Amino acid sequence: MRAQFLGKDPDSQMDNSPTLFATDRTDRVTYIAQGWKVTDPQALADIGPVPDHETLIEIPEEVLKFYARRYLEEGH
């Protein structure tokens, strides 16, 4: 699987950037998000158990706009 850079949070500092990537999987369309690890106890309690093979990340809304842009550019 390869990952294609789509964009990073324009307000973040160097080397500390929530980022969105698209993958080239052929079985389904997927994205990889780099963000801040969720450690807030209340948020974790609200979400509930997370399987060991998964993790929770927080990303700014600005980063999600890169998904919307790609989606629109592909004519969906």
N, C-alpha and C. Protein backbone atom coordinates (compact mmCIF):
# COMPACT_ATOMS: atom_id res chain seq x y z
N MET A 1 0.85 -1.18 0.00
CA MET A 1 0.00 0.00 0.00
C MET A 1 0.90 1.24 0.00
N ARG A 2 0.56 2.20 -0.82
CA ARG A 2 1.27 3.47 -0.87
C ARG A 2 0.36 4.56 -0.31
N ALA A 3 0.96 5.62 0.21
CA ALA A 3 0.22 6.75 0.77
C ALA A 3 0.58 8.02 0.02
N GLN A 4 -0.44 8.76 -0.41
CA GLN A 4 -0.24 10.02 -1.13
C GLN A 4 -0.63 11.18 -0.21
N PHE A 5 0.29 12.11 -0.02
CA PHE A 5 0.04 13.31 0.80
C PHE A 5 -1.07 14.13 0.19
N LEU A 6 -2.08 14.50 0.99
CA LEU A 6 -3.15 15.38 0.54
C LEU A 6 -3.03 16.78 1.12
N GLY A 7 -2.57 16.88 2.36
CA GLY A 7 -2.41 18.19 2.97
C GLY A 7 -2.24 18.08 4.47
N LYS A 8 -1.78 19.19 5.06
CA LYS A 8 -1.59 19.24 6.51
C LYS A 8 -2.23 20.49 7.07
N ASP A 9 -2.44 20.48 8.36
CA ASP A 9 -3.07 21.61 9.04
C ASP A 9 -2.24 22.86 8.82
N PRO A 10 -2.79 23.87 8.17
CA PRO A 10 -2.01 25.08 7.89
C PRO A 10 -1.63 25.88 9.14
N ASP A 11 -2.32 25.63 10.25
CA ASP A 11 -2.02 26.36 11.48
C ASP A 11 -1.06 25.64 12.40
N SER A 12 -0.61 24.45 12.01
CA SER A 12 0.28 23.70 12.89
C SER A 12 1.74 24.06 12.66
N GLN A 13 2.55 23.71 13.63
CA GLN A 13 3.97 24.00 13.56
C GLN A 13 4.70 22.87 12.84
N MET A 14 5.88 23.15 12.35
CA MET A 14 6.70 22.15 11.66
C MET A 14 6.89 20.91 12.53
N ASP A 15 6.82 19.74 11.94
CA ASP A 15 6.99 18.46 12.62
C ASP A 15 5.92 18.16 13.67
N ASN A 16 4.84 18.90 13.66
CA ASN A 16 3.73 18.67 14.59
C ASN A 16 2.44 18.94 13.85
N SER A 17 2.27 18.25 12.73
CA SER A 17 1.21 18.60 11.81
C SER A 17 0.18 17.50 11.63
N PRO A 18 -1.06 17.71 12.05
CA PRO A 18 -2.10 16.78 11.63
C PRO A 18 -2.14 16.78 10.10
N THR A 19 -2.14 15.58 9.52
CA THR A 19 -1.99 15.43 8.08
C THR A 19 -2.95 14.37 7.57
N LEU A 20 -3.36 14.51 6.30
CA LEU A 20 -4.22 13.52 5.67
C LEU A 20 -3.54 12.96 4.43
N PHE A 21 -3.60 11.62 4.29
CA PHE A 21 -3.03 10.92 3.15
C PHE A 21 -4.12 10.05 2.52
N ALA A 22 -4.04 9.84 1.21
CA ALA A 22 -4.90 8.88 0.52
C ALA A 22 -4.06 7.64 0.25
N THR A 23 -4.70 6.48 0.27
CA THR A 23 -3.99 5.25 -0.06
C THR A 23 -4.36 4.80 -1.47
N ASP A 24 -3.58 3.87 -1.98
CA ASP A 24 -3.87 3.33 -3.31
C ASP A 24 -4.44 1.92 -3.23
N ARG A 25 -5.09 1.58 -2.14
CA ARG A 25 -5.68 0.25 -2.01
C ARG A 25 -6.63 -0.01 -3.17
N THR A 26 -6.68 -1.24 -3.62
CA THR A 26 -7.56 -1.59 -4.73
C THR A 26 -8.87 -2.23 -4.27
N ASP A 27 -8.91 -2.70 -3.03
CA ASP A 27 -10.13 -3.34 -2.54
C ASP A 27 -11.15 -2.37 -1.96
N ARG A 28 -10.69 -1.16 -1.59
CA ARG A 28 -11.60 -0.12 -1.07
C ARG A 28 -10.84 1.19 -0.98
N VAL A 29 -11.57 2.29 -0.87
CA VAL A 29 -10.95 3.61 -0.76
C VAL A 29 -10.69 3.88 0.72
N THR A 30 -9.42 4.17 1.07
CA THR A 30 -9.08 4.47 2.46
C THR A 30 -8.15 5.68 2.54
N TYR A 31 -8.11 6.24 3.73
CA TYR A 31 -7.25 7.39 4.02
C TYR A 31 -6.48 7.09 5.29
N ILE A 32 -5.34 7.73 5.43
CA ILE A 32 -4.56 7.65 6.66
C ILE A 32 -4.51 9.06 7.24
N ALA A 33 -4.89 9.18 8.48
CA ALA A 33 -4.87 10.47 9.16
C ALA A 33 -3.80 10.45 10.24
N GLN A 34 -2.99 11.48 10.25
CA GLN A 34 -2.01 11.68 11.32
C GLN A 34 -2.56 12.80 12.18
N GLY A 35 -2.65 12.57 13.47
CA GLY A 35 -3.20 13.59 14.34
C GLY A 35 -2.71 13.44 15.76
N TRP A 36 -3.36 14.15 16.65
CA TRP A 36 -2.99 14.11 18.06
C TRP A 36 -3.66 12.91 18.73
N LYS A 37 -2.91 12.14 19.47
CA LYS A 37 -3.46 11.00 20.19
C LYS A 37 -4.46 11.50 21.23
N VAL A 38 -5.63 10.89 21.25
CA VAL A 38 -6.66 11.29 22.21
C VAL A 38 -6.33 10.67 23.56
N THR A 39 -6.13 11.53 24.55
CA THR A 39 -5.83 11.08 25.92
C THR A 39 -6.79 11.67 26.94
N ASP A 40 -7.67 12.56 26.51
CA ASP A 40 -8.62 13.20 27.43
C ASP A 40 -9.54 12.15 28.04
N PRO A 41 -9.55 12.03 29.38
CA PRO A 41 -10.34 10.99 30.03
C PRO A 41 -11.84 11.06 29.71
N GLN A 42 -12.39 12.26 29.63
CA GLN A 42 -13.83 12.38 29.35
C GLN A 42 -14.15 11.94 27.93
N ALA A 43 -13.32 12.35 26.96
CA ALA A 43 -13.54 11.94 25.57
C ALA A 43 -13.44 10.42 25.46
N LEU A 44 -12.45 9.83 26.12
CA LEU A 44 -12.28 8.38 26.08
C LEU A 44 -13.47 7.66 26.71
N ALA A 45 -13.99 8.22 27.79
CA ALA A 45 -15.17 7.63 28.44
C ALA A 45 -16.40 7.75 27.53
N ASP A 46 -16.54 8.88 26.86
CA ASP A 46 -17.67 9.08 25.95
C ASP A 46 -17.63 8.09 24.79
N ILE A 47 -16.45 7.79 24.29
CA ILE A 47 -16.29 6.91 23.14
C ILE A 47 -16.42 5.45 23.53
N GLY A 48 -15.87 5.09 24.66
CA GLY A 48 -15.94 3.70 25.12
C GLY A 48 -14.73 2.90 24.68
N PRO A 49 -14.81 1.58 24.84
CA PRO A 49 -13.66 0.72 24.55
C PRO A 49 -13.19 0.81 23.09
N VAL A 50 -11.89 0.80 22.94
CA VAL A 50 -11.26 0.80 21.61
C VAL A 50 -10.42 -0.47 21.50
N PRO A 51 -10.64 -1.26 20.46
CA PRO A 51 -9.86 -2.49 20.31
C PRO A 51 -8.36 -2.20 20.29
N ASP A 52 -7.56 -3.16 20.73
CA ASP A 52 -6.12 -2.99 20.79
C ASP A 52 -5.49 -2.69 19.44
N HIS A 53 -6.09 -3.15 18.36
CA HIS A 53 -5.52 -2.92 17.03
C HIS A 53 -5.97 -1.58 16.42
N GLU A 54 -6.67 -0.75 17.19
CA GLU A 54 -7.12 0.56 16.73
C GLU A 54 -6.64 1.64 17.69
N THR A 55 -6.71 2.90 17.23
CA THR A 55 -6.36 4.03 18.09
C THR A 55 -7.27 5.19 17.74
N LEU A 56 -7.34 6.16 18.62
CA LEU A 56 -8.14 7.36 18.37
C LEU A 56 -7.21 8.53 18.16
N ILE A 57 -7.50 9.34 17.14
CA ILE A 57 -6.73 10.55 16.91
C ILE A 57 -7.70 11.71 16.74
N GLU A 58 -7.21 12.88 17.04
CA GLU A 58 -7.97 14.12 16.86
C GLU A 58 -7.29 14.91 15.75
N ILE A 59 -8.10 15.38 14.79
CA ILE A 59 -7.56 16.20 13.71
C ILE A 59 -8.44 17.43 13.53
N PRO A 60 -7.85 18.55 13.13
CA PRO A 60 -8.63 19.77 12.94
C PRO A 60 -9.54 19.66 11.71
N GLU A 61 -10.61 20.40 11.74
CA GLU A 61 -11.54 20.44 10.62
C GLU A 61 -10.84 20.86 9.33
N GLU A 62 -9.86 21.74 9.44
CA GLU A 62 -9.13 22.19 8.26
C GLU A 62 -8.51 21.02 7.49
N VAL A 63 -8.06 19.99 8.21
CA VAL A 63 -7.46 18.84 7.56
C VAL A 63 -8.51 18.04 6.78
N LEU A 64 -9.73 17.96 7.30
CA LEU A 64 -10.79 17.24 6.61
C LEU A 64 -11.17 17.90 5.28
N LYS A 65 -10.89 19.17 5.15
CA LYS A 65 -11.18 19.87 3.89
C LYS A 65 -10.35 19.31 2.74
N PHE A 66 -9.20 18.72 3.04
CA PHE A 66 -8.40 18.09 1.99
C PHE A 66 -9.13 16.88 1.42
N TYR A 67 -9.86 16.16 2.25
CA TYR A 67 -10.69 15.05 1.77
C TYR A 67 -11.79 15.60 0.86
N ALA A 68 -12.47 16.63 1.31
CA ALA A 68 -13.57 17.20 0.53
C ALA A 68 -13.06 17.70 -0.82
N ARG A 69 -11.91 18.34 -0.84
CA ARG A 69 -11.34 18.84 -2.09
C ARG A 69 -11.06 17.69 -3.05
N ARG A 70 -10.44 16.62 -2.54
CA ARG A 70 -10.12 15.47 -3.40
C ARG A 70 -11.39 14.82 -3.92
N TYR A 71 -12.39 14.71 -3.07
CA TYR A 71 -13.66 14.11 -3.45
C TYR A 71 -14.32 14.91 -4.57
N LEU A 72 -14.33 16.20 -4.45
CA LEU A 72 -14.93 17.06 -5.48
C LEU A 72 -14.13 17.05 -6.78
N GLU A 73 -12.80 17.03 -6.66
CA GLU A 73 -11.95 17.01 -7.87
C GLU A 73 -12.15 15.74 -8.68
N GLU A 74 -12.49 14.65 -8.01
CA GLU A 74 -12.70 13.39 -8.73
C GLU A 74 -14.11 13.29 -9.31
N GLY A 75 -14.91 14.33 -9.13
CA GLY A 75 -16.23 14.38 -9.73
C GLY A 75 -17.31 13.56 -9.06
N HIS A 76 -17.20 13.36 -7.78
CA HIS A 76 -18.23 12.58 -7.06
C HIS A 76 -19.42 13.44 -6.74
